[in-house]
C-alpha atoms as a PDB file:
ATOM      1  CA  UNK A   1      50.593 -69.758 230.762  1.00  0.00           C
ATOM      2  CA  UNK A   2      51.435 -70.832 233.645  1.00  0.00           C
ATOM      3  CA  UNK A   3      50.697 -68.564 236.751  1.00  0.00           C
ATOM      4  CA  UNK A   4      52.839 -68.540 239.886  1.00  0.00           C
ATOM      5  CA  UNK A   5      51.766 -69.624 242.961  1.00  0.00           C
ATOM      6  CA  UNK A   6      49.988 -68.175 246.182  1.00  0.00           C
ATOM      7  CA  UNK A   7      49.859 -69.242 249.239  1.00  0.00           C
ATOM      8  CA  UNK A   8      46.118 -68.272 249.989  1.00  0.00           C
ATOM      9  CA  UNK A   9      44.578 -67.496 253.378  1.00  0.00           C
ATOM     10  CA  UNK A  10      40.755 -66.998 254.239  1.00  0.00           C
ATOM     11  CA  UNK A  11      39.880 -66.284 250.546  1.00  0.00           C
ATOM     12  CA  UNK A  12      43.164 -63.558 249.909  1.00  0.00           C
ATOM     13  CA  UNK A  13      46.407 -64.311 249.430  1.00  0.00           C
ATOM     14  CA  UNK A  14      49.180 -64.492 252.182  1.00  0.00           C
ATOM     15  CA  UNK A  15      51.376 -61.293 251.017  1.00  0.00           C
ATOM     16  CA  UNK A  16      47.908 -59.522 251.696  1.00  0.00           C
ATOM     17  CA  UNK A  17      47.614 -60.130 255.161  1.00  0.00           C
ATOM     18  CA  UNK A  18      51.353 -59.230 256.068  1.00  0.00           C
ATOM     19  CA  UNK A  19      50.854 -56.068 254.632  1.00  0.00           C
ATOM     20  CA  UNK A  20      47.641 -55.422 256.300  1.00  0.00           C
ATOM     21  CA  UNK A  21      49.380 -56.503 259.287  1.00  0.00           C
ATOM     22  CA  UNK A  22      52.440 -54.166 258.938  1.00  0.00           C
ATOM     23  CA  UNK A  23      49.914 -51.386 258.615  1.00  0.00           C
ATOM     24  CA  UNK A  24      47.924 -52.090 261.586  1.00  0.00           C
ATOM     25  CA  UNK A  25      51.279 -52.309 263.337  1.00  0.00           C
ATOM     26  CA  UNK A  26      52.388 -49.184 261.714  1.00  0.00           C
ATOM     27  CA  UNK A  27      49.480 -47.269 262.281  1.00  0.00           C
ATOM     28  CA  UNK A  28      49.440 -48.446 266.258  1.00  0.00           C
ATOM     29  CA  UNK A  29      52.822 -47.086 266.461  1.00  0.00           C
ATOM     30  CA  UNK A  30      52.333 -43.442 264.182  1.00  0.00           C
ATOM     31  CA  UNK A  31      49.229 -42.873 266.498  1.00  0.00           C
ATOM     32  CA  UNK A  32      51.098 -42.950 269.540  1.00  0.00           C
ATOM     33  CA  UNK A  33      53.936 -41.386 268.464  1.00  0.00           C
ATOM     34  CA  UNK A  34      51.502 -38.821 267.318  1.00  0.00           C
ATOM     35  CA  UNK A  35      49.748 -38.476 270.493  1.00  0.00           C
ATOM     36  CA  UNK A  36      52.647 -38.666 273.148  1.00  0.00           C
ATOM     37  CA  UNK A  37      55.184 -36.741 271.961  1.00  0.00           C
ATOM     38  CA  UNK A  38      56.083 -32.935 273.130  1.00  0.00           C
ATOM     39  CA  UNK A  39      56.282 -30.293 271.240  1.00  0.00           C
ATOM     40  CA  UNK A  40      60.251 -29.580 270.716  1.00  0.00           C
ATOM     41  CA  UNK A  41      59.619 -26.877 267.836  1.00  0.00           C
ATOM     42  CA  UNK A  42      57.464 -26.502 264.540  1.00  0.00           C
ATOM     43  CA  UNK A  43      59.723 -28.955 262.722  1.00  0.00           C
ATOM     44  CA  UNK A  44      59.170 -32.426 265.084  1.00  0.00           C
ATOM     45  CA  UNK A  45      55.750 -30.505 265.642  1.00  0.00           C
ATOM     46  CA  UNK A  46      55.042 -31.621 261.598  1.00  0.00           C
ATOM     47  CA  UNK A  47      56.923 -34.933 262.429  1.00  0.00           C
ATOM     48  CA  UNK A  48      53.813 -35.506 264.942  1.00  0.00           C
ATOM     49  CA  UNK A  49      51.294 -34.445 262.566  1.00  0.00           C
ATOM     50  CA  UNK A  50      52.496 -36.779 259.762  1.00  0.00           C
ATOM     51  CA  UNK A  51      52.264 -39.551 262.358  1.00  0.00           C
ATOM     52  CA  UNK A  52      49.081 -38.996 262.675  1.00  0.00           C
ATOM     53  CA  UNK A  53      48.197 -38.934 258.997  1.00  0.00           C
ATOM     54  CA  UNK A  54      50.195 -42.100 258.528  1.00  0.00           C
ATOM     55  CA  UNK A  55      48.217 -43.756 261.608  1.00  0.00           C
ATOM     56  CA  UNK A  56      45.457 -42.590 259.979  1.00  0.00           C
ATOM     57  CA  UNK A  57      45.632 -43.285 256.801  1.00  0.00           C
ATOM     58  CA  UNK A  58      46.877 -46.752 257.329  1.00  0.00           C
ATOM     59  CA  UNK A  59      43.991 -47.632 258.638  1.00  0.00           C
ATOM     60  CA  UNK A  60      41.838 -46.541 256.316  1.00  0.00           C
ATOM     61  CA  UNK A  61      43.937 -48.983 253.731  1.00  0.00           C
ATOM     62  CA  UNK A  62      43.327 -51.615 255.766  1.00  0.00           C
ATOM     63  CA  UNK A  63      39.384 -50.737 256.265  1.00  0.00           C
ATOM     64  CA  UNK A  64      39.374 -49.975 252.324  1.00  0.00           C
ATOM     65  CA  UNK A  65      40.822 -53.136 251.221  1.00  0.00           C
ATOM     66  CA  UNK A  66      39.650 -55.218 253.899  1.00  0.00           C
ATOM     67  CA  UNK A  67      35.715 -53.761 252.015  1.00  0.00           C
ATOM     68  CA  UNK A  68      36.933 -53.234 248.407  1.00  0.00           C
ATOM     69  CA  UNK A  69      36.466 -49.513 248.289  1.00  0.00           C
ATOM     70  CA  UNK A  70      37.803 -47.110 245.927  1.00  0.00           C
ATOM     71  CA  UNK A  71      39.051 -44.372 248.705  1.00  0.00           C
ATOM     72  CA  UNK A  72      41.964 -47.115 249.471  1.00  0.00           C
ATOM     73  CA  UNK A  73      43.848 -46.186 246.491  1.00  0.00           C
ATOM     74  CA  UNK A  74      43.764 -42.386 247.397  1.00  0.00           C
ATOM     75  CA  UNK A  75      44.866 -43.107 251.154  1.00  0.00           C
ATOM     76  CA  UNK A  76      47.404 -45.181 249.422  1.00  0.00           C
ATOM     77  CA  UNK A  77      49.015 -42.431 248.295  1.00  0.00           C
ATOM     78  CA  UNK A  78      48.306 -40.427 251.455  1.00  0.00           C
ATOM     79  CA  UNK A  79      50.187 -42.684 253.042  1.00  0.00           C
ATOM     80  CA  UNK A  80      53.027 -42.822 251.009  1.00  0.00           C
ATOM     81  CA  UNK A  81      53.579 -39.179 250.339  1.00  0.00           C
ATOM     82  CA  UNK A  82      53.639 -38.541 254.390  1.00  0.00           C
ATOM     83  CA  UNK A  83      56.309 -41.442 255.187  1.00  0.00           C
ATOM     84  CA  UNK A  84      58.656 -39.624 252.633  1.00  0.00           C
ATOM     85  CA  UNK A  85      58.290 -36.511 254.333  1.00  0.00           C
ATOM     86  CA  UNK A  86      58.218 -37.775 257.868  1.00  0.00           C
ATOM     87  CA  UNK A  87      60.722 -39.868 257.551  1.00  0.00           C
ATOM     88  CA  UNK A  88      63.700 -38.057 256.815  1.00  0.00           C
ATOM     89  CA  UNK A  89      62.421 -35.429 258.516  1.00  0.00           C
ATOM     90  CA  UNK A  90      62.331 -37.279 262.002  1.00  0.00           C
ATOM     91  CA  UNK A  91      66.061 -38.230 261.519  1.00  0.00           C
ATOM     92  CA  UNK A  92      66.869 -34.628 260.681  1.00  0.00           C
ATOM     93  CA  UNK A  93      64.810 -33.248 263.412  1.00  0.00           C
ATOM     94  CA  UNK A  94      65.443 -35.801 266.347  1.00  0.00           C
ATOM     95  CA  UNK A  95      68.632 -37.349 265.856  1.00  0.00           C
ATOM     96  CA  UNK A  96      70.538 -34.389 264.330  1.00  0.00           C
ATOM     97  CA  UNK A  97      71.551 -36.457 261.544  1.00  0.00           C
ATOM     98  CA  UNK A  98      73.426 -34.703 258.701  1.00  0.00           C
ATOM     99  CA  UNK A  99      72.415 -33.980 255.021  1.00  0.00           C
ATOM    100  CA  UNK A 100      74.248 -37.617 253.535  1.00  0.00           C
ATOM    101  CA  UNK A 101      72.074 -39.285 256.068  1.00  0.00           C
ATOM    102  CA  UNK A 102      69.260 -37.148 255.778  1.00  0.00           C
ATOM    103  CA  UNK A 103      69.412 -38.039 251.810  1.00  0.00           C
ATOM    104  CA  UNK A 104      70.140 -41.925 252.735  1.00  0.00           C
ATOM    105  CA  UNK A 105      66.971 -42.387 254.692  1.00  0.00           C
ATOM    106  CA  UNK A 106      64.931 -40.021 251.998  1.00  0.00           C
ATOM    107  CA  UNK A 107      65.848 -42.673 249.765  1.00  0.00           C
ATOM    108  CA  UNK A 108      65.204 -45.739 251.912  1.00  0.00           C
ATOM    109  CA  UNK A 109      61.460 -44.879 252.566  1.00  0.00           C
ATOM    110  CA  UNK A 110      61.289 -43.879 248.874  1.00  0.00           C
ATOM    111  CA  UNK A 111      62.396 -47.707 248.071  1.00  0.00           C
ATOM    112  CA  UNK A 112      59.526 -48.744 250.631  1.00  0.00           C
ATOM    113  CA  UNK A 113      56.770 -46.885 249.774  1.00  0.00           C
ATOM    114  CA  UNK A 114      57.350 -47.826 245.910  1.00  0.00           C
ATOM    115  CA  UNK A 115      56.845 -51.494 246.975  1.00  0.00           C
ATOM    116  CA  UNK A 116      54.311 -50.698 249.042  1.00  0.00           C
ATOM    117  CA  UNK A 117      52.369 -48.662 246.829  1.00  0.00           C
ATOM    118  CA  UNK A 118      52.981 -50.912 244.220  1.00  0.00           C
ATOM    119  CA  UNK A 119      51.036 -53.898 245.646  1.00  0.00           C
ATOM    120  CA  UNK A 120      48.894 -52.467 247.841  1.00  0.00           C
ATOM    121  CA  UNK A 121      47.192 -51.168 245.013  1.00  0.00           C
ATOM    122  CA  UNK A 122      47.219 -54.297 243.429  1.00  0.00           C
ATOM    123  CA  UNK A 123      45.796 -55.855 245.706  1.00  0.00           C
ATOM    124  CA  UNK A 124      42.969 -52.907 246.312  1.00  0.00           C
ATOM    125  CA  UNK A 125      42.157 -53.436 242.843  1.00  0.00           C
ATOM    126  CA  UNK A 126      41.529 -57.219 243.430  1.00  0.00           C
ATOM    127  CA  UNK A 127      39.264 -56.329 246.329  1.00  0.00           C
ATOM    128  CA  UNK A 128      37.535 -53.077 244.612  1.00  0.00           C
ATOM    129  CA  UNK A 129      37.006 -55.870 240.938  1.00  0.00           C
ATOM    130  CA  UNK A 130      35.340 -58.646 242.877  1.00  0.00           C
ATOM    131  CA  UNK A 131      33.675 -56.604 244.827  1.00  0.00           C
ATOM    132  CA  UNK A 132      31.823 -54.461 242.150  1.00  0.00           C
ATOM    133  CA  UNK A 133      31.724 -57.229 239.195  1.00  0.00           C
ATOM    134  CA  UNK A 134      28.373 -58.520 239.645  1.00  0.00           C
ATOM    135  CA  UNK A 135      27.025 -54.907 239.150  1.00  0.00           C
ATOM    136  CA  UNK A 136      29.279 -53.852 236.263  1.00  0.00           C
ATOM    137  CA  UNK A 137      28.211 -57.034 234.413  1.00  0.00           C
ATOM    138  CA  UNK A 138      25.012 -56.306 235.378  1.00  0.00           C
ATOM    139  CA  UNK A 139      25.521 -52.727 233.526  1.00  0.00           C
ATOM    140  CA  UNK A 140      27.531 -53.844 231.067  1.00  0.00           C
ATOM    141  CA  UNK A 141      24.573 -56.316 229.886  1.00  0.00           C
ATOM    142  CA  UNK A 142      22.343 -53.140 229.818  1.00  0.00           C
ATOM    143  CA  UNK A 143      24.021 -51.385 227.758  1.00  0.00           C
ATOM    144  CA  UNK A 144      24.528 -54.706 225.124  1.00  0.00           C
ATOM    145  CA  UNK A 145      20.880 -54.979 225.094  1.00  0.00           C
ATOM    146  CA  UNK A 146      19.617 -51.239 224.332  1.00  0.00           C
ATOM    147  CA  UNK A 147      22.833 -51.260 221.756  1.00  0.00           C
ATOM    148  CA  UNK A 148      20.715 -53.898 219.690  1.00  0.00           C
ATOM    149  CA  UNK A 149      17.409 -53.224 220.736  1.00  0.00           C
ATOM    150  CA  UNK A 150      18.469 -49.601 218.570  1.00  0.00           C
ATOM    151  CA  UNK A 151      19.624 -51.666 215.161  1.00  0.00           C
ATOM    152  CA  UNK A 152      17.495 -54.486 216.047  1.00  0.00           C
ATOM    153  CA  UNK A 153      15.172 -53.196 213.336  1.00  0.00           C
ATOM    154  CA  UNK A 154      16.990 -50.503 210.908  1.00  0.00           C
ATOM    155  CA  UNK A 155      16.953 -51.368 207.312  1.00  0.00           C
ATOM    156  CA  UNK A 156      19.674 -51.902 205.030  1.00  0.00           C
ATOM    157  CA  UNK A 157      19.777 -48.220 203.460  1.00  0.00           C
ATOM    158  CA  UNK A 158      19.680 -47.071 207.482  1.00  0.00           C
ATOM    159  CA  UNK A 159      22.575 -49.630 208.381  1.00  0.00           C
ATOM    160  CA  UNK A 160      24.948 -49.048 205.739  1.00  0.00           C
ATOM    161  CA  UNK A 161      24.511 -44.815 205.684  1.00  0.00           C
ATOM    162  CA  UNK A 162      26.900 -42.969 207.902  1.00  0.00           C
ATOM    163  CA  UNK A 163      26.114 -39.219 209.132  1.00  0.00           C
ATOM    164  CA  UNK A 164      28.894 -37.524 207.998  1.00  0.00           C
ATOM    165  CA  UNK A 165      31.895 -37.878 205.460  1.00  0.00           C
ATOM    166  CA  UNK A 166      33.906 -38.804 208.846  1.00  0.00           C
ATOM    167  CA  UNK A 167      30.672 -40.145 210.823  1.00  0.00           C
ATOM    168  CA  UNK A 168      30.819 -43.861 211.237  1.00  0.00           C
ATOM    169  CA  UNK A 169      27.367 -45.995 209.827  1.00  0.00           C
ATOM    170  CA  UNK A 170      25.812 -48.344 212.447  1.00  0.00           C
ATOM    171  CA  UNK A 171      26.975 -51.718 210.566  1.00  0.00           C
ATOM    172  CA  UNK A 172      31.021 -49.801 211.258  1.00  0.00           C
ATOM    173  CA  UNK A 173      30.036 -48.747 214.804  1.00  0.00           C
ATOM    174  CA  UNK A 174      28.833 -52.333 215.230  1.00  0.00           C
ATOM    175  CA  UNK A 175      32.101 -53.570 213.596  1.00  0.00           C
ATOM    176  CA  UNK A 176      34.750 -51.199 215.921  1.00  0.00           C
ATOM    177  CA  UNK A 177      32.798 -52.694 218.862  1.00  0.00           C
ATOM    178  CA  UNK A 178      33.076 -55.868 218.478  1.00  0.00           C
ATOM    179  CA  UNK A 179      37.165 -55.372 217.415  1.00  0.00           C
ATOM    180  CA  UNK A 180      37.351 -54.096 221.231  1.00  0.00           C
ATOM    181  CA  UNK A 181      35.988 -56.739 222.468  1.00  0.00           C
ATOM    182  CA  UNK A 182      38.231 -58.974 220.611  1.00  0.00           C
ATOM    183  CA  UNK A 183      41.406 -56.699 221.604  1.00  0.00           C
ATOM    184  CA  UNK A 184      40.408 -56.787 225.387  1.00  0.00           C
ATOM    185  CA  UNK A 185      39.344 -60.718 225.020  1.00  0.00           C
ATOM    186  CA  UNK A 186      42.793 -61.646 223.641  1.00  0.00           C
ATOM    187  CA  UNK A 187      44.562 -59.303 225.768  1.00  0.00           C
ATOM    188  CA  UNK A 188      43.477 -60.746 228.914  1.00  0.00           C
ATOM    189  CA  UNK A 189      44.632 -63.987 227.564  1.00  0.00           C
ATOM    190  CA  UNK A 190      48.183 -62.984 227.082  1.00  0.00           C
ATOM    191  CA  UNK A 191      48.287 -61.308 223.695  1.00  0.00           C
ATOM    192  CA  UNK A 192      49.085 -57.849 222.494  1.00  0.00           C
ATOM    193  CA  UNK A 193      47.753 -55.304 223.837  1.00  0.00           C
ATOM    194  CA  UNK A 194      47.208 -51.770 222.656  1.00  0.00           C
ATOM    195  CA  UNK A 195      49.816 -49.472 222.072  1.00  0.00           C
ATOM    196  CA  UNK A 196      49.835 -46.256 224.555  1.00  0.00           C
ATOM    197  CA  UNK A 197      49.212 -43.421 222.297  1.00  0.00           C
ATOM    198  CA  UNK A 198      49.976 -40.515 224.873  1.00  0.00           C
ATOM    199  CA  UNK A 199      53.645 -40.074 227.231  1.00  0.00           C
ATOM    200  CA  UNK A 200      53.645 -39.901 230.858  1.00  0.00           C
ATOM    201  CA  UNK A 201      52.758 -36.612 231.813  1.00  0.00           C
ATOM    202  CA  UNK A 202      49.638 -36.041 229.502  1.00  0.00           C
ATOM    203  CA  UNK A 203      48.813 -39.667 230.208  1.00  0.00           C
ATOM    204  CA  UNK A 204      48.781 -39.025 234.171  1.00  0.00           C
ATOM    205  CA  UNK A 205      46.523 -35.960 233.174  1.00  0.00           C
ATOM    206  CA  UNK A 206      44.623 -37.548 231.481  1.00  0.00           C
ATOM    207  CA  UNK A 207      44.366 -40.017 234.071  1.00  0.00           C
ATOM    208  CA  UNK A 208      43.436 -37.197 236.693  1.00  0.00           C
ATOM    209  CA  UNK A 209      41.264 -34.411 234.515  1.00  0.00           C
ATOM    210  CA  UNK A 210      39.391 -36.625 232.314  1.00  0.00           C
ATOM    211  CA  UNK A 211      39.214 -40.037 233.325  1.00  0.00           C
ATOM    212  CA  UNK A 212      37.372 -39.085 236.599  1.00  0.00           C
ATOM    213  CA  UNK A 213      34.533 -37.772 234.212  1.00  0.00           C
ATOM    214  CA  UNK A 214      34.010 -40.593 231.491  1.00  0.00           C
ATOM    215  CA  UNK A 215      33.818 -43.595 234.545  1.00  0.00           C
ATOM    216  CA  UNK A 216      31.255 -41.654 236.085  1.00  0.00           C
ATOM    217  CA  UNK A 217      29.626 -41.780 232.416  1.00  0.00           C
ATOM    218  CA  UNK A 218      30.438 -38.113 231.020  1.00  0.00           C
ATOM    219  CA  UNK A 219      30.545 -37.699 227.288  1.00  0.00           C
ATOM    220  CA  UNK A 220      33.176 -38.650 225.384  1.00  0.00           C
ATOM    221  CA  UNK A 221      35.783 -36.291 224.342  1.00  0.00           C
ATOM    222  CA  UNK A 222      36.493 -36.600 220.357  1.00  0.00           C
ATOM    223  CA  UNK A 223      39.644 -38.919 220.091  1.00  0.00           C
ATOM    224  CA  UNK A 224      40.950 -41.363 217.047  1.00  0.00           C
ATOM    225  CA  UNK A 225      40.473 -44.481 217.293  1.00  0.00           C
ATOM    226  CA  UNK A 226      43.759 -47.302 216.968  1.00  0.00           C
ATOM    227  CA  UNK A 227      43.551 -48.500 213.690  1.00  0.00           C
ATOM    228  CA  UNK A 228      43.356 -52.189 214.925  1.00  0.00           C
ATOM    229  CA  UNK A 229      40.248 -51.473 216.241  1.00  0.00           C
ATOM    230  CA  UNK A 230      38.663 -48.970 212.968  1.00  0.00           C
ATOM    231  CA  UNK A 231      35.693 -50.511 211.146  1.00  0.00           C
ATOM    232  CA  UNK A 232      36.418 -51.988 207.726  1.00  0.00           C
ATOM    233  CA  UNK A 233      33.085 -52.055 206.423  1.00  0.00           C
ATOM    234  CA  UNK A 234      31.125 -54.217 208.815  1.00  0.00           C
ATOM    235  CA  UNK A 235      28.474 -57.203 208.806  1.00  0.00           C
ATOM    236  CA  UNK A 236      26.105 -56.819 206.118  1.00  0.00           C
ATOM    237  CA  UNK A 237      22.860 -56.766 207.607  1.00  0.00           C
ATOM    238  CA  UNK A 238      21.581 -56.013 211.572  1.00  0.00           C
ATOM    239  CA  UNK A 239      21.103 -59.146 212.291  1.00  0.00           C
ATOM    240  CA  UNK A 240      24.629 -60.282 210.731  1.00  0.00           C
ATOM    241  CA  UNK A 241      25.991 -57.504 213.190  1.00  0.00           C
ATOM    242  CA  UNK A 242      23.545 -58.635 215.809  1.00  0.00           C
ATOM    243  CA  UNK A 243      25.122 -61.782 215.814  1.00  0.00           C
ATOM    244  CA  UNK A 244      28.892 -60.520 215.543  1.00  0.00           C
ATOM    245  CA  UNK A 245      28.270 -58.652 218.449  1.00  0.00           C
ATOM    246  CA  UNK A 246      26.608 -60.980 220.814  1.00  0.00           C
ATOM    247  CA  UNK A 247      29.351 -63.337 220.334  1.00  0.00           C
ATOM    248  CA  UNK A 248      32.155 -61.281 220.728  1.00  0.00           C
ATOM    249  CA  UNK A 249      31.228 -60.093 223.465  1.00  0.00           C
ATOM    250  CA  UNK A 250      29.955 -63.094 224.975  1.00  0.00           C
ATOM    251  CA  UNK A 251      33.446 -64.253 224.039  1.00  0.00           C
ATOM    252  CA  UNK A 252      35.298 -61.128 225.883  1.00  0.00           C
ATOM    253  CA  UNK A 253      33.016 -61.526 229.153  1.00  0.00           C
ATOM    254  CA  UNK A 254      33.936 -65.166 229.522  1.00  0.00           C
ATOM    255  CA  UNK A 255      38.161 -64.395 229.171  1.00  0.00           C
ATOM    256  CA  UNK A 256      37.177 -61.214 231.624  1.00  0.00           C
ATOM    257  CA  UNK A 257      34.965 -64.048 234.134  1.00  0.00           C
ATOM    258  CA  UNK A 258      38.429 -66.568 234.203  1.00  0.00           C
ATOM    259  CA  UNK A 259      40.624 -63.355 234.724  1.00  0.00           C
ATOM    260  CA  UNK A 260      38.739 -62.121 237.355  1.00  0.00           C
ATOM    261  CA  UNK A 261      38.671 -65.143 239.197  1.00  0.00           C
ATOM    262  CA  UNK A 262      42.599 -66.148 238.603  1.00  0.00           C
ATOM    263  CA  UNK A 263      43.981 -62.546 238.642  1.00  0.00           C
ATOM    264  CA  UNK A 264      42.295 -60.200 239.519  1.00  0.00           C
ATOM    265  CA  UNK A 265      44.143 -57.410 239.731  1.00  0.00           C
ATOM    266  CA  UNK A 266      44.802 -58.104 235.974  1.00  0.00           C
ATOM    267  CA  UNK A 267      45.048 -55.025 233.936  1.00  0.00           C
ATOM    268  CA  UNK A 268      44.077 -54.038 230.489  1.00  0.00           C
ATOM    269  CA  UNK A 269      45.756 -51.515 228.548  1.00  0.00           C
ATOM    270  CA  UNK A 270      43.875 -48.725 226.930  1.00  0.00           C
ATOM    271  CA  UNK A 271      45.431 -46.062 224.086  1.00  0.00           C
ATOM    272  CA  UNK A 272      44.956 -43.194 226.177  1.00  0.00           C
ATOM    273  CA  UNK A 273      45.046 -43.821 229.622  1.00  0.00           C
ATOM    274  CA  UNK A 274      47.209 -46.800 230.227  1.00  0.00           C
ATOM    275  CA  UNK A 275      46.905 -49.411 232.350  1.00  0.00           C
ATOM    276  CA  UNK A 276      43.477 -49.705 233.521  1.00  0.00           C
ATOM    277  CA  UNK A 277      42.585 -52.236 236.418  1.00  0.00           C
ATOM    278  CA  UNK A 278      39.639 -54.684 235.345  1.00  0.00           C
ATOM    279  CA  UNK A 279      36.619 -53.237 237.020  1.00  0.00           C
ATOM    280  CA  UNK A 280      37.439 -49.485 235.255  1.00  0.00           C
ATOM    281  CA  UNK A 281      37.831 -51.396 231.729  1.00  0.00           C
ATOM    282  CA  UNK A 282      34.587 -52.976 232.071  1.00  0.00           C
ATOM    283  CA  UNK A 283      32.892 -49.757 232.831  1.00  0.00           C
ATOM    284  CA  UNK A 284      34.199 -47.989 230.236  1.00  0.00           C
ATOM    285  CA  UNK A 285      33.501 -50.686 228.055  1.00  0.00           C
ATOM    286  CA  UNK A 286      29.787 -50.291 228.933  1.00  0.00           C
ATOM    287  CA  UNK A 287      30.028 -45.897 228.689  1.00  0.00           C
ATOM    288  CA  UNK A 288      31.695 -46.961 225.234  1.00  0.00           C
ATOM    289  CA  UNK A 289      28.563 -48.840 224.174  1.00  0.00           C
ATOM    290  CA  UNK A 290      26.294 -45.976 225.403  1.00  0.00           C
ATOM    291  CA  UNK A 291      28.607 -43.638 223.842  1.00  0.00           C
ATOM    292  CA  UNK A 292      28.224 -45.286 220.286  1.00  0.00           C
ATOM    293  CA  UNK A 293      24.399 -45.596 220.847  1.00  0.00           C
ATOM    294  CA  UNK A 294      24.173 -42.147 220.695  1.00  0.00           C
ATOM    295  CA  UNK A 295      25.532 -41.581 217.759  1.00  0.00           C
ATOM    296  CA  UNK A 296      22.825 -43.976 216.454  1.00  0.00           C
ATOM    297  CA  UNK A 297      19.575 -41.712 215.896  1.00  0.00           C
ATOM    298  CA  UNK A 298      21.680 -39.087 213.804  1.00  0.00           C
ATOM    299  CA  UNK A 299      22.733 -41.646 211.185  1.00  0.00           C
ATOM    300  CA  UNK A 300      19.070 -42.949 211.085  1.00  0.00           C
ATOM    301  CA  UNK A 301      17.823 -39.946 210.223  1.00  0.00           C
ATOM    302  CA  UNK A 302      19.855 -39.566 207.785  1.00  0.00           C
ATOM    303  CA  UNK A 303      18.115 -41.455 205.845  1.00  0.00           C
ATOM    304  CA  UNK A 304      14.590 -40.925 206.956  1.00  0.00           C
END
């Protein structure tokens, strides 16, 4: 698949520099208006306060984009929501416009906001991914090595024993991890993504309430894996499992490395959280391995 051509200046797409320049000019104008306009009632005072927030958040977005900081995502939404309020309010309170004019201003602002949030989010995730990538790969390597060390010396009986009727044996866990690697390797090359299992509202709530805790290393909630990722027996021996786990993992990381070089804004679909930027997807992968690594001692102890 041929990628669209991007004009690059100083290591960043020209469109990103245009966005940052727009935000800087807008920030200067908003801060000037906020600090110099006279007080003419509560409505106009709220516009002045909005201009102050718009200016500060716009400058924060610029700095976060250049530095690759996650805080820029939150500032981008603060900026967009404040613009959506302050723009129509300014038309109404300063110009004495009619309601149709205010509604037209709101629709115009919302359209501009949507474009800025979409492109700004894309560029922020690209910058964040590039900054965090070496550390994310190192953490993933640690997680993979911990898992391999846990299964290396298992007997065949330990390897194939389930801790419960619903639990997975170490062989099945390894097969599941290998299938997950293969899924995301394929998706990074443009193949079919996983189906989203939650609707827009519950998925939004999951992203707000559950995802931050999981990205910080919290325990995974009980959830059913997609059918394509469920194991079917698994490798016959621990040595075979290690070989499969290593091969699929290395292949996946090679494909993700190519994606980072070519399209660092790329997203991969998680069945419960939807599209995840690459830096979150790899962080999830490391926590996912550790989640299943914690299940191994119970599988082993049942055979002792």
